[in-house]
Amino acid sequence: MPVQLNKIPLLIILALFFIGFACTEEESEPRTREKEWEELNAYIRKLENEGYAVDTTDLSVFYIIKEKGTGETPQVGDNCTISYTGHTLSGRKFEDSKDIFDNGMWNFKYKPSHKVEGFVNTIRYMNRGAKFEMYIHSDYAYGAEGGTGVPPFTTVVYKVEMIDISKLGL
């Protein structure tokens, strides 16, 4: 019997620990498009205040030219080779070309696409050697459903380098 009495304080401490832990877990509010735009606009203002020249595409995708390239920008049908990393505004990486492609670069035929439309839309502003940082709101990224590693209504950031552009058949 004395052995069991010694276990009671330990059980009480464990119970209080688990109750306290359960009470401290925050229930996050559901993400909304409005909240996302609020966060994105604040982030863009911060970048501008730090001296970055932030530009936008016709889809309101924000981007910063980190390094200018040379030559022409891609046209529909051109072959593009890029390397990229994708992360959320909070910095959580969800995709990296080095983890997906053997040589760390994605080689594709440039064409309009509805898959992460903002990404493809901004690629058309890049030329060979250019390095961009793209800030793509969910309307033109992973939307209300989200994606692997990307919650719903989340702005994604892509750091992209245009390695090469070649004309079809060249």
N, C-alpha and C. Protein backbone atom coordinates (compact mmCIF):
# COMPACT_ATOMS: atom_id res chain seq x y z
N MET A 1 0.80 -1.21 0.00
CA MET A 1 0.00 0.00 0.00
C MET A 1 0.85 1.28 0.00
N PRO A 2 1.93 1.38 0.77
CA PRO A 2 2.73 2.60 0.76
C PRO A 2 3.32 2.90 -0.61
N VAL A 3 3.60 1.88 -1.39
CA VAL A 3 4.16 2.10 -2.73
C VAL A 3 3.17 2.86 -3.59
N GLN A 4 1.90 2.51 -3.49
CA GLN A 4 0.88 3.18 -4.29
C GLN A 4 0.69 4.63 -3.84
N LEU A 5 0.79 4.90 -2.56
CA LEU A 5 0.65 6.27 -2.07
C LEU A 5 1.77 7.15 -2.59
N ASN A 6 2.95 6.59 -2.77
CA ASN A 6 4.07 7.36 -3.31
C ASN A 6 3.84 7.74 -4.77
N LYS A 7 3.04 6.97 -5.47
CA LYS A 7 2.79 7.24 -6.89
C LYS A 7 1.73 8.33 -7.09
N ILE A 8 0.90 8.58 -6.09
CA ILE A 8 -0.19 9.56 -6.23
C ILE A 8 0.34 10.96 -6.53
N PRO A 9 1.35 11.48 -5.81
CA PRO A 9 1.84 12.83 -6.16
C PRO A 9 2.38 12.90 -7.59
N LEU A 10 3.05 11.84 -8.02
CA LEU A 10 3.56 11.80 -9.39
C LEU A 10 2.42 11.85 -10.41
N LEU A 11 1.36 11.09 -10.14
CA LEU A 11 0.20 11.09 -11.04
C LEU A 11 -0.47 12.46 -11.08
N ILE A 12 -0.55 13.12 -9.92
CA ILE A 12 -1.17 14.45 -9.87
C ILE A 12 -0.32 15.44 -10.68
N ILE A 13 0.99 15.38 -10.51
CA ILE A 13 1.88 16.28 -11.25
C ILE A 13 1.75 16.05 -12.76
N LEU A 14 1.74 14.78 -13.17
CA LEU A 14 1.59 14.47 -14.60
C LEU A 14 0.25 14.96 -15.13
N ALA A 15 -0.82 14.75 -14.37
CA ALA A 15 -2.15 15.20 -14.80
C ALA A 15 -2.18 16.72 -14.96
N LEU A 16 -1.61 17.44 -13.98
CA LEU A 16 -1.58 18.91 -14.07
C LEU A 16 -0.74 19.38 -15.26
N PHE A 17 0.36 18.67 -15.53
CA PHE A 17 1.20 19.01 -16.67
C PHE A 17 0.42 18.90 -17.98
N PHE A 18 -0.28 17.77 -18.16
CA PHE A 18 -1.02 17.56 -19.41
C PHE A 18 -2.21 18.52 -19.53
N ILE A 19 -2.87 18.82 -18.42
CA ILE A 19 -3.98 19.78 -18.45
C ILE A 19 -3.45 21.16 -18.82
N GLY A 20 -2.34 21.54 -18.20
CA GLY A 20 -1.73 22.84 -18.50
C GLY A 20 -1.28 22.93 -19.94
N PHE A 21 -0.71 21.87 -20.47
CA PHE A 21 -0.26 21.84 -21.86
C PHE A 21 -1.44 21.99 -22.80
N ALA A 22 -2.52 21.27 -22.52
CA ALA A 22 -3.71 21.32 -23.38
C ALA A 22 -4.32 22.72 -23.37
N CYS A 23 -4.27 23.40 -22.24
CA CYS A 23 -4.86 24.73 -22.14
C CYS A 23 -4.01 25.80 -22.83
N THR A 24 -2.71 25.54 -22.99
CA THR A 24 -1.86 26.56 -23.60
C THR A 24 -1.79 26.45 -25.12
N GLU A 25 -2.30 25.37 -25.69
CA GLU A 25 -2.30 25.26 -27.14
C GLU A 25 -3.22 26.31 -27.72
N GLU A 26 -2.68 27.07 -28.67
CA GLU A 26 -3.49 28.12 -29.30
C GLU A 26 -4.29 27.54 -30.45
N GLU A 27 -5.53 27.93 -30.51
CA GLU A 27 -6.34 27.58 -31.67
C GLU A 27 -6.14 28.70 -32.68
N SER A 28 -5.54 28.38 -33.79
CA SER A 28 -5.29 29.42 -34.77
C SER A 28 -6.58 29.76 -35.51
N GLU A 29 -6.70 31.04 -35.80
CA GLU A 29 -7.87 31.47 -36.57
C GLU A 29 -7.73 30.97 -37.99
N PRO A 30 -8.84 30.66 -38.64
CA PRO A 30 -8.74 30.22 -40.04
C PRO A 30 -8.15 31.35 -40.89
N ARG A 31 -7.32 30.97 -41.84
CA ARG A 31 -6.71 31.96 -42.74
C ARG A 31 -7.79 32.49 -43.68
N THR A 32 -7.68 33.75 -44.01
CA THR A 32 -8.60 34.37 -44.96
C THR A 32 -7.79 35.13 -46.00
N ARG A 33 -8.41 35.39 -47.12
CA ARG A 33 -7.77 36.17 -48.19
C ARG A 33 -7.42 37.57 -47.66
N GLU A 34 -8.33 38.16 -46.88
CA GLU A 34 -8.11 39.51 -46.35
C GLU A 34 -6.90 39.55 -45.43
N LYS A 35 -6.78 38.56 -44.55
CA LYS A 35 -5.64 38.48 -43.63
C LYS A 35 -4.34 38.30 -44.41
N GLU A 36 -4.39 37.47 -45.43
CA GLU A 36 -3.20 37.25 -46.26
C GLU A 36 -2.75 38.55 -46.91
N TRP A 37 -3.69 39.31 -47.51
CA TRP A 37 -3.34 40.56 -48.17
C TRP A 37 -2.77 41.57 -47.16
N GLU A 38 -3.33 41.57 -45.97
CA GLU A 38 -2.83 42.44 -44.90
C GLU A 38 -1.36 42.13 -44.61
N GLU A 39 -1.06 40.84 -44.44
CA GLU A 39 0.31 40.40 -44.16
C GLU A 39 1.24 40.72 -45.33
N LEU A 40 0.78 40.44 -46.55
CA LEU A 40 1.61 40.67 -47.73
C LEU A 40 1.91 42.15 -47.91
N ASN A 41 0.89 43.00 -47.78
CA ASN A 41 1.11 44.44 -47.94
C ASN A 41 2.07 44.98 -46.88
N ALA A 42 1.95 44.50 -45.65
CA ALA A 42 2.87 44.92 -44.59
C ALA A 42 4.30 44.47 -44.92
N TYR A 43 4.44 43.27 -45.45
CA TYR A 43 5.76 42.74 -45.80
C TYR A 43 6.38 43.54 -46.94
N ILE A 44 5.58 43.87 -47.94
CA ILE A 44 6.08 44.65 -49.08
C ILE A 44 6.49 46.05 -48.61
N ARG A 45 5.69 46.67 -47.74
CA ARG A 45 6.06 47.99 -47.19
C ARG A 45 7.40 47.91 -46.45
N LYS A 46 7.58 46.83 -45.70
CA LYS A 46 8.84 46.62 -44.97
C LYS A 46 10.02 46.54 -45.95
N LEU A 47 9.85 45.77 -47.03
CA LEU A 47 10.90 45.65 -48.03
C LEU A 47 11.23 47.01 -48.65
N GLU A 48 10.19 47.77 -48.99
CA GLU A 48 10.39 49.09 -49.59
C GLU A 48 11.09 50.04 -48.61
N ASN A 49 10.71 49.96 -47.33
CA ASN A 49 11.36 50.79 -46.31
C ASN A 49 12.83 50.42 -46.13
N GLU A 50 13.17 49.18 -46.45
CA GLU A 50 14.56 48.72 -46.37
C GLU A 50 15.34 49.06 -47.64
N GLY A 51 14.67 49.72 -48.60
CA GLY A 51 15.36 50.19 -49.79
C GLY A 51 15.23 49.30 -51.02
N TYR A 52 14.45 48.23 -50.94
CA TYR A 52 14.28 47.36 -52.10
C TYR A 52 13.33 47.99 -53.11
N ALA A 53 13.63 47.85 -54.39
CA ALA A 53 12.75 48.31 -55.46
C ALA A 53 11.81 47.17 -55.80
N VAL A 54 10.58 47.26 -55.31
CA VAL A 54 9.59 46.21 -55.52
C VAL A 54 8.72 46.59 -56.71
N ASP A 55 8.59 45.68 -57.67
CA ASP A 55 7.77 45.92 -58.85
C ASP A 55 6.61 44.92 -58.83
N THR A 56 5.65 45.08 -59.74
CA THR A 56 4.52 44.15 -59.81
C THR A 56 4.25 43.76 -61.25
N THR A 57 3.68 42.56 -61.40
CA THR A 57 3.24 42.10 -62.72
C THR A 57 1.79 42.52 -62.91
N ASP A 58 1.24 42.21 -64.07
CA ASP A 58 -0.16 42.52 -64.34
C ASP A 58 -1.12 41.71 -63.45
N LEU A 59 -0.63 40.65 -62.80
CA LEU A 59 -1.45 39.85 -61.88
C LEU A 59 -1.26 40.30 -60.43
N SER A 60 -0.58 41.42 -60.24
CA SER A 60 -0.25 41.92 -58.90
C SER A 60 0.66 40.98 -58.12
N VAL A 61 1.54 40.30 -58.84
CA VAL A 61 2.59 39.53 -58.20
C VAL A 61 3.75 40.50 -57.97
N PHE A 62 4.21 40.58 -56.74
CA PHE A 62 5.32 41.46 -56.42
C PHE A 62 6.63 40.74 -56.71
N TYR A 63 7.64 41.49 -57.16
CA TYR A 63 8.94 40.87 -57.36
C TYR A 63 10.06 41.90 -57.19
N ILE A 64 11.22 41.37 -56.84
CA ILE A 64 12.43 42.18 -56.71
C ILE A 64 13.47 41.57 -57.65
N ILE A 65 14.10 42.41 -58.44
CA ILE A 65 15.19 41.94 -59.29
C ILE A 65 16.45 41.98 -58.44
N LYS A 66 16.94 40.81 -58.08
CA LYS A 66 18.15 40.71 -57.26
C LYS A 66 19.40 40.85 -58.11
N GLU A 67 19.29 40.37 -59.35
CA GLU A 67 20.41 40.48 -60.29
C GLU A 67 19.82 40.54 -61.70
N LYS A 68 20.25 41.53 -62.47
CA LYS A 68 19.76 41.66 -63.84
C LYS A 68 20.44 40.64 -64.74
N GLY A 69 19.69 40.17 -65.72
CA GLY A 69 20.24 39.25 -66.70
C GLY A 69 20.51 39.96 -68.00
N THR A 70 20.74 39.16 -69.04
CA THR A 70 21.01 39.72 -70.37
C THR A 70 20.18 38.98 -71.41
N GLY A 71 19.97 39.63 -72.53
CA GLY A 71 19.26 39.00 -73.63
C GLY A 71 17.75 39.14 -73.51
N GLU A 72 17.08 38.32 -74.30
CA GLU A 72 15.63 38.38 -74.39
C GLU A 72 14.95 37.60 -73.26
N THR A 73 13.71 37.95 -73.02
CA THR A 73 12.88 37.21 -72.07
C THR A 73 12.21 36.05 -72.81
N PRO A 74 11.73 35.04 -72.09
CA PRO A 74 11.15 33.88 -72.76
C PRO A 74 9.84 34.19 -73.48
N GLN A 75 9.66 33.54 -74.60
CA GLN A 75 8.42 33.59 -75.36
C GLN A 75 7.79 32.21 -75.31
N VAL A 76 6.50 32.13 -75.55
CA VAL A 76 5.81 30.84 -75.54
C VAL A 76 6.53 29.88 -76.47
N GLY A 77 6.85 28.70 -75.96
CA GLY A 77 7.54 27.68 -76.73
C GLY A 77 9.04 27.62 -76.49
N ASP A 78 9.61 28.66 -75.87
CA ASP A 78 11.05 28.65 -75.57
C ASP A 78 11.34 27.64 -74.46
N ASN A 79 12.54 27.08 -74.49
CA ASN A 79 12.98 26.20 -73.42
C ASN A 79 13.68 27.04 -72.36
N CYS A 80 13.25 26.88 -71.11
CA CYS A 80 13.84 27.62 -69.99
C CYS A 80 14.47 26.65 -69.01
N THR A 81 15.57 27.05 -68.43
CA THR A 81 16.22 26.29 -67.37
C THR A 81 16.37 27.23 -66.19
N ILE A 82 15.79 26.83 -65.05
CA ILE A 82 15.84 27.67 -63.85
C ILE A 82 16.23 26.82 -62.64
N SER A 83 16.70 27.51 -61.62
CA SER A 83 16.81 26.90 -60.30
C SER A 83 15.95 27.77 -59.39
N TYR A 84 15.35 27.17 -58.38
CA TYR A 84 14.45 27.95 -57.52
C TYR A 84 14.30 27.31 -56.15
N THR A 85 13.88 28.15 -55.20
CA THR A 85 13.50 27.72 -53.87
C THR A 85 12.18 28.40 -53.55
N GLY A 86 11.23 27.66 -52.98
CA GLY A 86 9.95 28.22 -52.58
C GLY A 86 9.79 28.14 -51.07
N HIS A 87 9.34 29.25 -50.48
CA HIS A 87 9.06 29.25 -49.04
C HIS A 87 7.92 30.20 -48.75
N THR A 88 7.38 30.12 -47.56
CA THR A 88 6.31 31.02 -47.14
C THR A 88 6.93 32.32 -46.63
N LEU A 89 6.10 33.33 -46.38
CA LEU A 89 6.60 34.60 -45.84
C LEU A 89 7.29 34.38 -44.50
N SER A 90 6.84 33.38 -43.75
CA SER A 90 7.46 33.09 -42.45
C SER A 90 8.80 32.38 -42.59
N GLY A 91 9.16 32.00 -43.83
CA GLY A 91 10.46 31.38 -44.07
C GLY A 91 10.45 29.87 -44.15
N ARG A 92 9.29 29.24 -44.04
CA ARG A 92 9.22 27.78 -44.09
C ARG A 92 9.33 27.30 -45.54
N LYS A 93 10.43 26.59 -45.83
CA LYS A 93 10.67 26.09 -47.20
C LYS A 93 9.72 24.94 -47.50
N PHE A 94 9.13 24.98 -48.70
CA PHE A 94 8.25 23.89 -49.11
C PHE A 94 8.69 23.24 -50.42
N GLU A 95 9.64 23.87 -51.12
CA GLU A 95 10.05 23.31 -52.40
C GLU A 95 11.42 23.87 -52.79
N ASP A 96 12.23 23.02 -53.40
CA ASP A 96 13.56 23.45 -53.86
C ASP A 96 13.93 22.60 -55.06
N SER A 97 14.31 23.26 -56.15
CA SER A 97 14.66 22.51 -57.37
C SER A 97 15.81 21.54 -57.11
N LYS A 98 16.68 21.85 -56.16
CA LYS A 98 17.80 20.95 -55.84
C LYS A 98 17.33 19.63 -55.24
N ASP A 99 16.16 19.65 -54.62
CA ASP A 99 15.60 18.44 -54.02
C ASP A 99 14.76 17.63 -55.01
N ILE A 100 14.42 18.23 -56.14
CA ILE A 100 13.50 17.60 -57.09
C ILE A 100 14.21 17.08 -58.34
N PHE A 101 15.13 17.87 -58.86
CA PHE A 101 15.79 17.53 -60.13
C PHE A 101 17.23 17.10 -59.89
N ASP A 102 17.67 16.08 -60.63
CA ASP A 102 19.02 15.53 -60.44
C ASP A 102 20.11 16.59 -60.49
N ASN A 103 20.01 17.51 -61.43
CA ASN A 103 21.04 18.54 -61.56
C ASN A 103 20.67 19.83 -60.82
N GLY A 104 19.54 19.80 -60.09
CA GLY A 104 19.11 20.97 -59.32
C GLY A 104 18.44 22.04 -60.14
N MET A 105 18.21 21.76 -61.43
CA MET A 105 17.61 22.76 -62.32
C MET A 105 16.37 22.17 -63.00
N TRP A 106 15.38 23.02 -63.19
CA TRP A 106 14.16 22.61 -63.88
C TRP A 106 14.24 23.11 -65.31
N ASN A 107 14.14 22.19 -66.26
CA ASN A 107 14.14 22.52 -67.68
C ASN A 107 12.72 22.31 -68.18
N PHE A 108 12.10 23.35 -68.74
CA PHE A 108 10.71 23.25 -69.18
C PHE A 108 10.47 24.14 -70.39
N LYS A 109 9.38 23.82 -71.10
CA LYS A 109 8.95 24.65 -72.22
C LYS A 109 8.05 25.74 -71.64
N TYR A 110 8.39 27.00 -71.91
CA TYR A 110 7.62 28.11 -71.37
C TYR A 110 6.25 28.20 -72.05
N LYS A 111 5.21 28.22 -71.23
CA LYS A 111 3.84 28.41 -71.71
C LYS A 111 2.97 28.85 -70.54
N PRO A 112 1.91 29.58 -70.81
CA PRO A 112 1.00 29.96 -69.73
C PRO A 112 0.45 28.71 -69.06
N SER A 113 0.27 28.79 -67.75
CA SER A 113 -0.19 27.64 -66.98
C SER A 113 -1.04 28.12 -65.82
N HIS A 114 -1.97 27.29 -65.39
CA HIS A 114 -2.79 27.65 -64.24
C HIS A 114 -2.23 27.08 -62.94
N LYS A 115 -1.16 26.30 -63.04
CA LYS A 115 -0.52 25.78 -61.83
C LYS A 115 0.47 26.82 -61.34
N VAL A 116 0.23 27.38 -60.19
CA VAL A 116 1.01 28.49 -59.64
C VAL A 116 1.20 29.55 -60.74
N GLU A 117 0.07 30.06 -61.17
CA GLU A 117 0.02 31.00 -62.29
C GLU A 117 0.93 32.21 -62.10
N GLY A 118 1.04 32.69 -60.87
CA GLY A 118 1.89 33.85 -60.60
C GLY A 118 3.35 33.58 -60.87
N PHE A 119 3.78 32.34 -60.65
CA PHE A 119 5.17 31.95 -60.90
C PHE A 119 5.48 32.04 -62.39
N VAL A 120 4.65 31.42 -63.20
CA VAL A 120 4.84 31.42 -64.65
C VAL A 120 4.69 32.84 -65.20
N ASN A 121 3.75 33.60 -64.65
CA ASN A 121 3.53 34.97 -65.08
C ASN A 121 4.77 35.83 -64.86
N THR A 122 5.49 35.60 -63.79
CA THR A 122 6.66 36.42 -63.47
C THR A 122 7.91 35.95 -64.21
N ILE A 123 7.97 34.65 -64.53
CA ILE A 123 9.10 34.11 -65.30
C ILE A 123 9.27 34.89 -66.61
N ARG A 124 8.17 35.34 -67.19
CA ARG A 124 8.25 36.01 -68.49
C ARG A 124 8.99 37.35 -68.44
N TYR A 125 9.25 37.86 -67.23
CA TYR A 125 10.00 39.11 -67.07
C TYR A 125 11.50 38.87 -66.92
N MET A 126 11.89 37.60 -66.85
CA MET A 126 13.29 37.25 -66.59
C MET A 126 14.05 36.97 -67.89
N ASN A 127 15.32 37.31 -67.90
CA ASN A 127 16.18 36.92 -69.01
C ASN A 127 17.36 36.12 -68.45
N ARG A 128 18.21 35.62 -69.33
CA ARG A 128 19.32 34.74 -68.93
C ARG A 128 20.18 35.41 -67.86
N GLY A 129 20.40 34.69 -66.77
CA GLY A 129 21.24 35.18 -65.68
C GLY A 129 20.50 35.99 -64.63
N ALA A 130 19.24 36.33 -64.88
CA ALA A 130 18.48 37.13 -63.92
C ALA A 130 18.17 36.32 -62.66
N LYS A 131 18.14 37.03 -61.53
CA LYS A 131 17.73 36.43 -60.26
C LYS A 131 16.61 37.30 -59.69
N PHE A 132 15.46 36.67 -59.46
CA PHE A 132 14.28 37.36 -58.95
C PHE A 132 13.86 36.75 -57.62
N GLU A 133 13.20 37.58 -56.82
CA GLU A 133 12.48 37.11 -55.65
C GLU A 133 11.02 37.47 -55.91
N MET A 134 10.14 36.47 -55.96
CA MET A 134 8.73 36.67 -56.29
C MET A 134 7.88 36.49 -55.04
N TYR A 135 6.90 37.38 -54.85
CA TYR A 135 5.97 37.30 -53.72
C TYR A 135 4.58 37.10 -54.32
N ILE A 136 4.10 35.86 -54.26
CA ILE A 136 2.88 35.48 -54.99
C ILE A 136 1.76 35.20 -54.00
N HIS A 137 0.71 36.02 -54.05
CA HIS A 137 -0.44 35.79 -53.17
C HIS A 137 -1.20 34.56 -53.63
N SER A 138 -1.99 34.02 -52.73
CA SER A 138 -2.64 32.72 -52.97
C SER A 138 -3.57 32.72 -54.18
N ASP A 139 -4.10 33.88 -54.57
CA ASP A 139 -4.97 33.91 -55.75
C ASP A 139 -4.26 33.34 -56.98
N TYR A 140 -2.93 33.50 -57.03
CA TYR A 140 -2.16 33.01 -58.17
C TYR A 140 -1.08 32.01 -57.75
N ALA A 141 -1.33 31.35 -56.60
CA ALA A 141 -0.41 30.32 -56.12
C ALA A 141 -1.23 29.08 -55.74
N TYR A 142 -1.35 28.81 -54.45
CA TYR A 142 -2.01 27.58 -54.02
C TYR A 142 -3.44 27.78 -53.51
N GLY A 143 -3.93 29.01 -53.53
CA GLY A 143 -5.33 29.31 -53.29
C GLY A 143 -5.89 28.99 -51.92
N ALA A 144 -7.21 28.82 -51.90
CA ALA A 144 -7.95 28.55 -50.67
C ALA A 144 -7.72 27.14 -50.16
N GLU A 145 -7.25 26.26 -51.03
CA GLU A 145 -7.01 24.87 -50.64
C GLU A 145 -5.61 24.65 -50.09
N GLY A 146 -4.67 25.50 -50.47
CA GLY A 146 -3.28 25.29 -50.08
C GLY A 146 -2.65 24.20 -50.92
N GLY A 147 -1.48 23.78 -50.53
CA GLY A 147 -0.75 22.73 -51.25
C GLY A 147 0.19 22.04 -50.28
N THR A 148 0.99 21.13 -50.77
CA THR A 148 1.91 20.41 -49.91
C THR A 148 2.87 21.40 -49.25
N GLY A 149 2.77 21.52 -47.94
CA GLY A 149 3.63 22.44 -47.19
C GLY A 149 3.19 23.89 -47.23
N VAL A 150 2.06 24.16 -47.89
CA VAL A 150 1.56 25.54 -48.01
C VAL A 150 0.12 25.59 -47.51
N PRO A 151 -0.13 26.27 -46.38
CA PRO A 151 -1.50 26.38 -45.87
C PRO A 151 -2.40 27.19 -46.81
N PRO A 152 -3.72 27.08 -46.66
CA PRO A 152 -4.64 27.89 -47.46
C PRO A 152 -4.37 29.39 -47.26
N PHE A 153 -4.67 30.17 -48.28
CA PHE A 153 -4.52 31.63 -48.24
C PHE A 153 -3.14 32.03 -47.71
N THR A 154 -2.10 31.50 -48.32
CA THR A 154 -0.73 31.80 -47.90
C THR A 154 0.07 32.33 -49.08
N THR A 155 0.70 33.47 -48.88
CA THR A 155 1.61 34.03 -49.88
C THR A 155 2.86 33.16 -49.92
N VAL A 156 3.32 32.87 -51.12
CA VAL A 156 4.56 32.11 -51.27
C VAL A 156 5.64 33.01 -51.88
N VAL A 157 6.87 32.70 -51.54
CA VAL A 157 8.02 33.45 -52.04
C VAL A 157 8.89 32.48 -52.82
N TYR A 158 9.21 32.84 -54.04
CA TYR A 158 10.13 32.03 -54.84
C TYR A 158 11.38 32.85 -55.12
N LYS A 159 12.53 32.24 -54.86
CA LYS A 159 13.81 32.81 -55.27
C LYS A 159 14.22 32.03 -56.51
N VAL A 160 14.30 32.73 -57.64
CA VAL A 160 14.48 32.06 -58.94
C VAL A 160 15.68 32.63 -59.68
N GLU A 161 16.45 31.75 -60.28
CA GLU A 161 17.53 32.16 -61.18
C GLU A 161 17.25 31.57 -62.55
N MET A 162 17.24 32.43 -63.58
CA MET A 162 17.07 31.98 -64.96
C MET A 162 18.46 31.59 -65.47
N ILE A 163 18.69 30.30 -65.56
CA ILE A 163 19.99 29.78 -66.00
C ILE A 163 20.15 29.95 -67.51
N ASP A 164 19.09 29.59 -68.26
CA ASP A 164 19.21 29.62 -69.71
C ASP A 164 17.83 29.74 -70.35
N ILE A 165 17.81 30.34 -71.52
CA ILE A 165 16.62 30.40 -72.38
C ILE A 165 17.09 30.05 -73.78
N SER A 166 16.45 29.07 -74.39
CA SER A 166 16.81 28.75 -75.78
C SER A 166 15.54 28.67 -76.61
N LYS A 167 15.66 29.13 -77.82
CA LYS A 167 14.52 29.11 -78.74
C LYS A 167 14.21 27.69 -79.15
N LEU A 168 12.95 27.42 -79.37
CA LEU A 168 12.51 26.10 -79.79
C LEU A 168 13.31 25.65 -81.01
N GLY A 169 13.88 24.46 -80.92
CA GLY A 169 14.62 23.89 -82.05
C GLY A 169 16.06 24.34 -82.14
N LEU A 170 16.52 25.16 -81.19
CA LEU A 170 17.92 25.62 -81.24
C LEU A 170 18.74 24.95 -80.17
